[in-house]
PDB file of N, CA and C in Angstrom:
ATOM      1  N   MET A   1      10.437 162.872 -78.069  1.00  0.00           N
ATOM      2  CA  MET A   1       9.955 163.550 -76.888  1.00  0.00           C
ATOM      3  C   MET A   1      11.160 164.141 -76.160  1.00  0.00           C
ATOM      4  N   ASP A   2      11.019 165.401 -75.751  1.00  0.00           N
ATOM      5  CA  ASP A   2      12.155 166.024 -75.078  1.00  0.00           C
ATOM      6  C   ASP A   2      12.249 165.572 -73.616  1.00  0.00           C
ATOM      7  N   ASN A   3      13.399 165.837 -73.012  1.00  0.00           N
ATOM      8  CA  ASN A   3      13.654 165.376 -71.642  1.00  0.00           C
ATOM      9  C   ASN A   3      12.711 165.992 -70.617  1.00  0.00           C
ATOM     10  N   LYS A   4      12.340 167.266 -70.810  1.00  0.00           N
ATOM     11  CA  LYS A   4      11.436 167.909 -69.865  1.00  0.00           C
ATOM     12  C   LYS A   4      10.080 167.206 -69.874  1.00  0.00           C
ATOM     13  N   THR A   5       9.575 166.890 -71.051  1.00  0.00           N
ATOM     14  CA  THR A   5       8.293 166.187 -71.158  1.00  0.00           C
ATOM     15  C   THR A   5       8.377 164.815 -70.502  1.00  0.00           C
ATOM     16  N   LYS A   6       9.466 164.123 -70.742  1.00  0.00           N
ATOM     17  CA  LYS A   6       9.652 162.805 -70.123  1.00  0.00           C
ATOM     18  C   LYS A   6       9.643 162.900 -68.601  1.00  0.00           C
ATOM     19  N   MET A   7      10.308 163.905 -68.070  1.00  0.00           N
ATOM     20  CA  MET A   7      10.374 164.038 -66.616  1.00  0.00           C
ATOM     21  C   MET A   7       9.043 164.485 -66.018  1.00  0.00           C
ATOM     22  N   LEU A   8       8.267 165.282 -66.750  1.00  0.00           N
ATOM     23  CA  LEU A   8       6.937 165.649 -66.262  1.00  0.00           C
ATOM     24  C   LEU A   8       6.021 164.425 -66.253  1.00  0.00           C
ATOM     25  N   ILE A   9       6.187 163.558 -67.231  1.00  0.00           N
ATOM     26  CA  ILE A   9       5.443 162.291 -67.227  1.00  0.00           C
ATOM     27  C   ILE A   9       5.871 161.454 -66.025  1.00  0.00           C
ATOM     28  N   ALA A  10       7.165 161.444 -65.735  1.00  0.00           N
ATOM     29  CA  ALA A  10       7.661 160.701 -64.570  1.00  0.00           C
ATOM     30  C   ALA A  10       7.085 161.255 -63.270  1.00  0.00           C
ATOM     31  N   VAL A  11       6.934 162.572 -63.194  1.00  0.00           N
ATOM     32  CA  VAL A  11       6.313 163.181 -62.014  1.00  0.00           C
ATOM     33  C   VAL A  11       4.891 162.643 -61.863  1.00  0.00           C
ATOM     34  N   GLY A  12       4.117 162.695 -62.934  1.00  0.00           N
ATOM     35  CA  GLY A  12       2.748 162.205 -62.892  1.00  0.00           C
ATOM     36  C   GLY A  12       2.660 160.726 -62.577  1.00  0.00           C
ATOM     37  N   ALA A  13       3.527 159.953 -63.190  1.00  0.00           N
ATOM     38  CA  ALA A  13       3.521 158.508 -62.934  1.00  0.00           C
ATOM     39  C   ALA A  13       3.861 158.207 -61.479  1.00  0.00           C
ATOM     40  N   SER A  14       4.757 158.978 -60.912  1.00  0.00           N
ATOM     41  CA  SER A  14       5.131 158.785 -59.508  1.00  0.00           C
ATOM     42  C   SER A  14       3.957 159.041 -58.580  1.00  0.00           C
ATOM     43  N   VAL A  15       3.179 160.073 -58.887  1.00  0.00           N
ATOM     44  CA  VAL A  15       2.007 160.389 -58.072  1.00  0.00           C
ATOM     45  C   VAL A  15       0.968 159.276 -58.194  1.00  0.00           C
ATOM     46  N   THR A  16       0.692 158.843 -59.412  1.00  0.00           N
ATOM     47  CA  THR A  16      -0.321 157.794 -59.580  1.00  0.00           C
ATOM     48  C   THR A  16       0.121 156.484 -58.961  1.00  0.00           C
ATOM     49  N   ALA A  17       1.431 156.244 -58.914  1.00  0.00           N
ATOM     50  CA  ALA A  17       1.954 155.019 -58.304  1.00  0.00           C
ATOM     51  C   ALA A  17       2.114 155.164 -56.797  1.00  0.00           C
ATOM     52  N   THR A  18       1.871 156.349 -56.285  1.00  0.00           N
ATOM     53  CA  THR A  18       2.062 156.690 -54.869  1.00  0.00           C
ATOM     54  C   THR A  18       3.453 156.301 -54.367  1.00  0.00           C
ATOM     55  N   CYS A  19       4.441 156.625 -55.185  1.00  0.00           N
ATOM     56  CA  CYS A  19       5.831 156.317 -54.847  1.00  0.00           C
ATOM     57  C   CYS A  19       6.551 157.605 -54.450  1.00  0.00           C
ATOM     58  N   GLN A  20       6.704 157.819 -53.160  1.00  0.00           N
ATOM     59  CA  GLN A  20       7.314 159.058 -52.669  1.00  0.00           C
ATOM     60  C   GLN A  20       8.768 159.217 -53.109  1.00  0.00           C
ATOM     61  N   PRO A  21       9.610 158.188 -53.001  1.00  0.00           N
ATOM     62  CA  PRO A  21      10.994 158.373 -53.468  1.00  0.00           C
ATOM     63  C   PRO A  21      11.046 158.658 -54.971  1.00  0.00           C
ATOM     64  N   CYS A  22      10.151 158.010 -55.730  1.00  0.00           N
ATOM     65  CA  CYS A  22      10.097 158.247 -57.176  1.00  0.00           C
ATOM     66  C   CYS A  22       9.734 159.697 -57.462  1.00  0.00           C
ATOM     67  N   LEU A  23       8.746 160.226 -56.729  1.00  0.00           N
ATOM     68  CA  LEU A  23       8.302 161.592 -56.948  1.00  0.00           C
ATOM     69  C   LEU A  23       9.412 162.584 -56.615  1.00  0.00           C
ATOM     70  N   LYS A  24      10.092 162.357 -55.513  1.00  0.00           N
ATOM     71  CA  LYS A  24      11.189 163.251 -55.127  1.00  0.00           C
ATOM     72  C   LYS A  24      12.253 163.289 -56.223  1.00  0.00           C
ATOM     73  N   THR A  25      12.623 162.138 -56.717  1.00  0.00           N
ATOM     74  CA  THR A  25      13.629 162.053 -57.776  1.00  0.00           C
ATOM     75  C   THR A  25      13.129 162.687 -59.067  1.00  0.00           C
ATOM     76  N   ALA A  26      11.884 162.384 -59.432  1.00  0.00           N
ATOM     77  CA  ALA A  26      11.328 162.914 -60.678  1.00  0.00           C
ATOM     78  C   ALA A  26      11.247 164.439 -60.651  1.00  0.00           C
ATOM     79  N   ILE A  27      10.839 165.002 -59.519  1.00  0.00           N
ATOM     80  CA  ILE A  27      10.757 166.463 -59.420  1.00  0.00           C
ATOM     81  C   ILE A  27      12.143 167.081 -59.532  1.00  0.00           C
ATOM     82  N   THR A  28      13.118 166.510 -58.846  1.00  0.00           N
ATOM     83  CA  THR A  28      14.488 167.028 -58.913  1.00  0.00           C
ATOM     84  C   THR A  28      15.007 166.970 -60.347  1.00  0.00           C
ATOM     85  N   GLN A  29      14.770 165.850 -61.011  1.00  0.00           N
ATOM     86  CA  GLN A  29      15.242 165.703 -62.392  1.00  0.00           C
ATOM     87  C   GLN A  29      14.477 166.617 -63.350  1.00  0.00           C
ATOM     88  N   ALA A  30      13.169 166.791 -63.112  1.00  0.00           N
ATOM     89  CA  ALA A  30      12.379 167.694 -63.954  1.00  0.00           C
ATOM     90  C   ALA A  30      12.901 169.122 -63.830  1.00  0.00           C
ATOM     91  N   GLN A  31      13.185 169.532 -62.604  1.00  0.00           N
ATOM     92  CA  GLN A  31      13.749 170.863 -62.391  1.00  0.00           C
ATOM     93  C   GLN A  31      15.100 170.985 -63.088  1.00  0.00           C
ATOM     94  N   GLY A  32      15.868 169.897 -63.074  1.00  0.00           N
ATOM     95  CA  GLY A  32      17.188 169.897 -63.698  1.00  0.00           C
ATOM     96  C   GLY A  32      17.171 170.040 -65.204  1.00  0.00           C
ATOM     97  N   VAL A  33      16.052 169.685 -65.831  1.00  0.00           N
ATOM     98  CA  VAL A  33      15.948 169.828 -67.288  1.00  0.00           C
ATOM     99  C   VAL A  33      15.053 170.999 -67.678  1.00  0.00           C
ATOM    100  N   GLY A  34      14.802 171.891 -66.698  1.00  0.00           N
ATOM    101  CA  GLY A  34      14.124 173.141 -67.021  1.00  0.00           C
ATOM    102  C   GLY A  34      12.628 173.201 -66.792  1.00  0.00           C
ATOM    103  N   ALA A  35      12.039 172.216 -66.151  1.00  0.00           N
ATOM    104  CA  ALA A  35      10.604 172.284 -65.871  1.00  0.00           C
ATOM    105  C   ALA A  35      10.347 173.362 -64.835  1.00  0.00           C
ATOM    106  N   GLU A  36       9.346 174.172 -65.092  1.00  0.00           N
ATOM    107  CA  GLU A  36       8.971 175.236 -64.161  1.00  0.00           C
ATOM    108  C   GLU A  36       8.035 174.678 -63.099  1.00  0.00           C
ATOM    109  N   GLU A  37       7.970 175.381 -61.967  1.00  0.00           N
ATOM    110  CA  GLU A  37       7.112 174.934 -60.863  1.00  0.00           C
ATOM    111  C   GLU A  37       5.670 174.743 -61.331  1.00  0.00           C
ATOM    112  N   LYS A  38       5.168 175.667 -62.137  1.00  0.00           N
ATOM    113  CA  LYS A  38       3.798 175.580 -62.654  1.00  0.00           C
ATOM    114  C   LYS A  38       3.582 174.287 -63.442  1.00  0.00           C
ATOM    115  N   GLU A  39       4.552 173.907 -64.244  1.00  0.00           N
ATOM    116  CA  GLU A  39       4.442 172.680 -65.041  1.00  0.00           C
ATOM    117  C   GLU A  39       4.435 171.447 -64.145  1.00  0.00           C
ATOM    118  N   ILE A  40       5.272 171.458 -63.125  1.00  0.00           N
ATOM    119  CA  ILE A  40       5.331 170.325 -62.190  1.00  0.00           C
ATOM    120  C   ILE A  40       4.019 170.210 -61.427  1.00  0.00           C
ATOM    121  N   LEU A  41       3.488 171.341 -60.974  1.00  0.00           N
ATOM    122  CA  LEU A  41       2.218 171.327 -60.257  1.00  0.00           C
ATOM    123  C   LEU A  41       1.081 170.844 -61.147  1.00  0.00           C
ATOM    124  N   GLU A  42       1.115 171.204 -62.405  1.00  0.00           N
ATOM    125  CA  GLU A  42       0.092 170.740 -63.355  1.00  0.00           C
ATOM    126  C   GLU A  42       0.186 169.230 -63.562  1.00  0.00           C
ATOM    127  N   ALA A  43       1.401 168.714 -63.687  1.00  0.00           N
ATOM    128  CA  ALA A  43       1.588 167.269 -63.832  1.00  0.00           C
ATOM    129  C   ALA A  43       1.053 166.534 -62.606  1.00  0.00           C
ATOM    130  N   ILE A  44       1.294 167.089 -61.429  1.00  0.00           N
ATOM    131  CA  ILE A  44       0.806 166.494 -60.184  1.00  0.00           C
ATOM    132  C   ILE A  44      -0.722 166.535 -60.142  1.00  0.00           C
ATOM    133  N   ALA A  45      -1.302 167.665 -60.526  1.00  0.00           N
ATOM    134  CA  ALA A  45      -2.764 167.802 -60.497  1.00  0.00           C
ATOM    135  C   ALA A  45      -3.439 166.799 -61.421  1.00  0.00           C
ATOM    136  N   ILE A  46      -2.925 166.652 -62.622  1.00  0.00           N
ATOM    137  CA  ILE A  46      -3.508 165.697 -63.572  1.00  0.00           C
ATOM    138  C   ILE A  46      -3.348 164.271 -63.043  1.00  0.00           C
ATOM    139  N   ALA A  47      -2.202 163.967 -62.473  1.00  0.00           N
ATOM    140  CA  ALA A  47      -1.970 162.628 -61.916  1.00  0.00           C
ATOM    141  C   ALA A  47      -2.937 162.323 -60.783  1.00  0.00           C
ATOM    142  N   LYS A  48      -3.244 163.333 -59.977  1.00  0.00           N
ATOM    143  CA  LYS A  48      -4.187 163.129 -58.877  1.00  0.00           C
ATOM    144  C   LYS A  48      -5.581 162.792 -59.409  1.00  0.00           C
ATOM    145  N   ILE A  49      -5.972 163.411 -60.525  1.00  0.00           N
ATOM    146  CA  ILE A  49      -7.251 163.085 -61.144  1.00  0.00           C
ATOM    147  C   ILE A  49      -7.238 161.639 -61.634  1.00  0.00           C
ATOM    148  N   VAL A  50      -6.165 161.255 -62.303  1.00  0.00           N
ATOM    149  CA  VAL A  50      -6.049 159.883 -62.819  1.00  0.00           C
ATOM    150  C   VAL A  50      -6.058 158.882 -61.669  1.00  0.00           C
ATOM    151  N   ARG A  51      -5.279 159.178 -60.637  1.00  0.00           N
ATOM    152  CA  ARG A  51      -5.227 158.286 -59.475  1.00  0.00           C
ATOM    153  C   ARG A  51      -6.601 158.167 -58.824  1.00  0.00           C
ATOM    154  N   GLY A  52      -7.323 159.266 -58.741  1.00  0.00           N
ATOM    155  CA  GLY A  52      -8.666 159.239 -58.164  1.00  0.00           C
ATOM    156  C   GLY A  52      -9.595 158.330 -58.940  1.00  0.00           C
ATOM    157  N   GLY A  53      -9.506 158.368 -60.258  1.00  0.00           N
ATOM    158  CA  GLY A  53     -10.314 157.475 -61.080  1.00  0.00           C
ATOM    159  C   GLY A  53      -9.967 156.021 -60.852  1.00  0.00           C
ATOM    160  N   ALA A  54      -8.683 155.740 -60.780  1.00  0.00           N
ATOM    161  CA  ALA A  54      -8.247 154.361 -60.527  1.00  0.00           C
ATOM    162  C   ALA A  54      -8.690 153.887 -59.152  1.00  0.00           C
ATOM    163  N   MET A  55      -8.614 154.778 -58.171  1.00  0.00           N
ATOM    164  CA  MET A  55      -9.036 154.407 -56.820  1.00  0.00           C
ATOM    165  C   MET A  55     -10.540 154.125 -56.800  1.00  0.00           C
ATOM    166  N   GLY A  56     -11.307 154.906 -57.544  1.00  0.00           N
ATOM    167  CA  GLY A  56     -12.745 154.683 -57.617  1.00  0.00           C
ATOM    168  C   GLY A  56     -13.071 153.327 -58.205  1.00  0.00           C
ATOM    169  N   LYS A  57     -12.355 152.956 -59.258  1.00  0.00           N
ATOM    170  CA  LYS A  57     -12.551 151.633 -59.871  1.00  0.00           C
ATOM    171  C   LYS A  57     -12.193 150.524 -58.889  1.00  0.00           C
ATOM    172  N   MET A  58     -11.092 150.698 -58.145  1.00  0.00           N
ATOM    173  CA  MET A  58     -10.693 149.689 -57.174  1.00  0.00           C
ATOM    174  C   MET A  58     -11.711 149.591 -56.044  1.00  0.00           C
ATOM    175  N   ASP A  59     -12.220 150.746 -55.586  1.00  0.00           N
ATOM    176  CA  ASP A  59     -13.245 150.739 -54.543  1.00  0.00           C
ATOM    177  C   ASP A  59     -14.472 149.951 -54.997  1.00  0.00           C
ATOM    178  N   LYS A  60     -14.886 150.186 -56.239  1.00  0.00           N
ATOM    179  CA  LYS A  60     -16.053 149.473 -56.765  1.00  0.00           C
ATOM    180  C   LYS A  60     -15.759 147.977 -56.837  1.00  0.00           C
ATOM    181  N   PHE A  61     -14.597 147.620 -57.352  1.00  0.00           N
ATOM    182  CA  PHE A  61     -14.224 146.215 -57.475  1.00  0.00           C
ATOM    183  C   PHE A  61     -14.218 145.540 -56.104  1.00  0.00           C
ATOM    184  N   ALA A  62     -13.587 146.191 -55.124  1.00  0.00           N
ATOM    185  CA  ALA A  62     -13.532 145.623 -53.778  1.00  0.00           C
ATOM    186  C   ALA A  62     -14.934 145.472 -53.197  1.00  0.00           C
ATOM    187  N   SER A  63     -15.784 146.465 -53.428  1.00  0.00           N
ATOM    188  CA  SER A  63     -17.154 146.409 -52.914  1.00  0.00           C
ATOM    189  C   SER A  63     -17.953 145.273 -53.551  1.00  0.00           C
ATOM    190  N   THR A  64     -17.752 145.072 -54.850  1.00  0.00           N
ATOM    191  CA  THR A  64     -18.509 144.004 -55.511  1.00  0.00           C
ATOM    192  C   THR A  64     -18.087 142.631 -55.011  1.00  0.00           C
ATOM    193  N   LEU A  65     -16.861 142.503 -54.551  1.00  0.00           N
ATOM    194  CA  LEU A  65     -16.402 141.214 -54.033  1.00  0.00           C
ATOM    195  C   LEU A  65     -17.131 140.831 -52.747  1.00  0.00           C
ATOM    196  N   VAL A  66     -17.644 141.835 -52.046  1.00  0.00           N
ATOM    197  CA  VAL A  66     -18.381 141.568 -50.810  1.00  0.00           C
ATOM    198  C   VAL A  66     -19.866 141.890 -50.959  1.00  0.00           C
ATOM    199  N   GLY A  67     -20.318 142.081 -52.213  1.00  0.00           N
ATOM    200  CA  GLY A  67     -21.727 142.287 -52.472  1.00  0.00           C
ATOM    201  C   GLY A  67     -22.245 143.678 -52.193  1.00  0.00           C
ATOM    202  N   ASN A  68     -21.384 144.683 -52.246  1.00  0.00           N
ATOM    203  CA  ASN A  68     -21.787 146.062 -51.989  1.00  0.00           C
ATOM    204  C   ASN A  68     -21.294 146.906 -53.156  1.00  0.00           C
ATOM    205  N   ASN A  69     -22.151 147.705 -53.749  1.00  0.00           N
ATOM    206  CA  ASN A  69     -21.765 148.496 -54.919  1.00  0.00           C
ATOM    207  C   ASN A  69     -21.576 149.976 -54.627  1.00  0.00           C
ATOM    208  N   THR A  70     -21.113 150.316 -53.444  1.00  0.00           N
ATOM    209  CA  THR A  70     -20.814 151.701 -53.112  1.00  0.00           C
ATOM    210  C   THR A  70     -19.377 151.815 -52.654  1.00  0.00           C
ATOM    211  N   THR A  71     -18.883 153.044 -52.635  1.00  0.00           N
ATOM    212  CA  THR A  71     -17.532 153.298 -52.139  1.00  0.00           C
ATOM    213  C   THR A  71     -17.557 153.292 -50.621  1.00  0.00           C
ATOM    214  N   SER A  72     -16.410 153.449 -50.014  1.00  0.00           N
ATOM    215  CA  SER A  72     -16.310 153.415 -48.557  1.00  0.00           C
ATOM    216  C   SER A  72     -17.108 154.518 -47.880  1.00  0.00           C
ATOM    217  N   ASN A  73     -17.339 155.633 -48.576  1.00  0.00           N
ATOM    218  CA  ASN A  73     -18.103 156.727 -47.966  1.00  0.00           C
ATOM    219  C   ASN A  73     -19.568 156.702 -48.374  1.00  0.00           C
ATOM    220  N   GLY A  74     -20.000 155.628 -49.038  1.00  0.00           N
ATOM    221  CA  GLY A  74     -21.395 155.468 -49.400  1.00  0.00           C
ATOM    222  C   GLY A  74     -21.793 156.071 -50.729  1.00  0.00           C
ATOM    223  N   GLU A  75     -20.867 156.742 -51.425  1.00  0.00           N
ATOM    224  CA  GLU A  75     -21.181 157.337 -52.710  1.00  0.00           C
ATOM    225  C   GLU A  75     -21.056 156.305 -53.819  1.00  0.00           C
ATOM    226  N   SER A  76     -21.671 156.584 -54.932  1.00  0.00           N
ATOM    227  CA  SER A  76     -21.558 155.685 -56.076  1.00  0.00           C
ATOM    228  C   SER A  76     -20.170 155.804 -56.675  1.00  0.00           C
ATOM    229  N   GLU A  77     -19.802 154.829 -57.479  1.00  0.00           N
ATOM    230  CA  GLU A  77     -18.486 154.825 -58.109  1.00  0.00           C
ATOM    231  C   GLU A  77     -18.275 156.066 -58.954  1.00  0.00           C
ATOM    232  N   ALA A  78     -19.302 156.554 -59.619  1.00  0.00           N
ATOM    233  CA  ALA A  78     -19.163 157.691 -60.519  1.00  0.00           C
ATOM    234  C   ALA A  78     -18.601 158.923 -59.815  1.00  0.00           C
ATOM    235  N   ALA A  79     -18.817 159.049 -58.527  1.00  0.00           N
ATOM    236  CA  ALA A  79     -18.332 160.214 -57.793  1.00  0.00           C
ATOM    237  C   ALA A  79     -16.813 160.234 -57.691  1.00  0.00           C
ATOM    238  N   CYS A  80     -16.151 159.125 -57.931  1.00  0.00           N
ATOM    239  CA  CYS A  80     -14.696 159.032 -57.753  1.00  0.00           C
ATOM    240  C   CYS A  80     -13.923 159.103 -59.061  1.00  0.00           C
ATOM    241  N   ILE A  81     -14.607 159.108 -60.178  1.00  0.00           N
ATOM    242  CA  ILE A  81     -13.924 159.001 -61.462  1.00  0.00           C
ATOM    243  C   ILE A  81     -13.824 160.358 -62.133  1.00  0.00           C
ATOM    244  N   ALA A  82     -12.623 160.703 -62.604  1.00  0.00           N
ATOM    245  CA  ALA A  82     -12.418 161.959 -63.300  1.00  0.00           C
ATOM    246  C   ALA A  82     -13.077 161.886 -64.673  1.00  0.00           C
ATOM    247  N   THR A  83     -13.751 162.954 -65.030  1.00  0.00           N
ATOM    248  CA  THR A  83     -14.367 163.031 -66.344  1.00  0.00           C
ATOM    249  C   THR A  83     -13.403 163.659 -67.329  1.00  0.00           C
ATOM    250  N   ASP A  84     -13.697 163.515 -68.607  1.00  0.00           N
ATOM    251  CA  ASP A  84     -12.883 164.160 -69.631  1.00  0.00           C
ATOM    252  C   ASP A  84     -12.855 165.668 -69.419  1.00  0.00           C
ATOM    253  N   GLU A  85     -13.989 166.218 -68.993  1.00  0.00           N
ATOM    254  CA  GLU A  85     -14.068 167.660 -68.764  1.00  0.00           C
ATOM    255  C   GLU A  85     -13.148 168.094 -67.633  1.00  0.00           C
ATOM    256  N   GLU A  86     -13.078 167.302 -66.553  1.00  0.00           N
ATOM    257  CA  GLU A  86     -12.197 167.644 -65.432  1.00  0.00           C
ATOM    258  C   GLU A  86     -10.735 167.630 -65.856  1.00  0.00           C
ATOM    259  N   VAL A  87     -10.357 166.632 -66.639  1.00  0.00           N
ATOM    260  CA  VAL A  87      -8.971 166.558 -67.121  1.00  0.00           C
ATOM    261  C   VAL A  87      -8.685 167.748 -68.032  1.00  0.00           C
ATOM    262  N   LYS A  88      -9.601 168.039 -68.952  1.00  0.00           N
ATOM    263  CA  LYS A  88      -9.415 169.173 -69.859  1.00  0.00           C
ATOM    264  C   LYS A  88      -9.292 170.476 -69.073  1.00  0.00           C
ATOM    265  N   GLU A  89     -10.111 170.636 -68.029  1.00  0.00           N
ATOM    266  CA  GLU A  89     -10.059 171.842 -67.202  1.00  0.00           C
ATOM    267  C   GLU A  89      -8.683 172.012 -66.577  1.00  0.00           C
ATOM    268  N   TRP A  90      -8.100 170.931 -66.066  1.00  0.00           N
ATOM    269  CA  TRP A  90      -6.769 171.021 -65.456  1.00  0.00           C
ATOM    270  C   TRP A  90      -5.712 171.345 -66.496  1.00  0.00           C
ATOM    271  N   VAL A  91      -5.835 170.750 -67.680  1.00  0.00           N
ATOM    272  CA  VAL A  91      -4.839 170.978 -68.720  1.00  0.00           C
ATOM    273  C   VAL A  91      -4.884 172.427 -69.203  1.00  0.00           C
ATOM    274  N   GLU A  92      -6.093 172.971 -69.338  1.00  0.00           N
ATOM    275  CA  GLU A  92      -6.248 174.324 -69.866  1.00  0.00           C
ATOM    276  C   GLU A  92      -6.123 175.408 -68.798  1.00  0.00           C
ATOM    277  N   LYS A  93      -6.098 175.023 -67.547  1.00  0.00           N
ATOM    278  CA  LYS A  93      -6.065 175.989 -66.446  1.00  0.00           C
ATOM    279  C   LYS A  93      -4.845 176.889 -66.554  1.00  0.00           C
ATOM    280  N   GLU A  94      -5.083 178.160 -66.490  1.00  0.00           N
ATOM    281  CA  GLU A  94      -4.049 179.196 -66.470  1.00  0.00           C
ATOM    282  C   GLU A  94      -3.146 179.179 -67.697  1.00  0.00           C
ATOM    283  N   GLN A  95      -3.700 178.814 -68.834  1.00  0.00           N
ATOM    284  CA  GLN A  95      -2.892 178.870 -70.056  1.00  0.00           C
ATOM    285  C   GLN A  95      -3.122 180.157 -70.773  1.00  0.00           C
TER     286      GLN A  95
END
């Protein structure tokens, strides 16, 4: 795997981990190995979808612990989870 790909993965991982210092460093390093702004934005967008799915699962888990099977805004868990189609749409966007 080349360095640019590794750093774009680091950008995405930083977003999903909600680590601001990590994201700042990862973006700087990604730019340093030739990642374009479009590529960085795409990595961030995909990470946000992944993070949203994880948050939906956590919301459901937390709700079940108190006997409630909805998210904090009253929607079902399915509303918070990224589908394969949504991920594919982000990956193929503007290619």
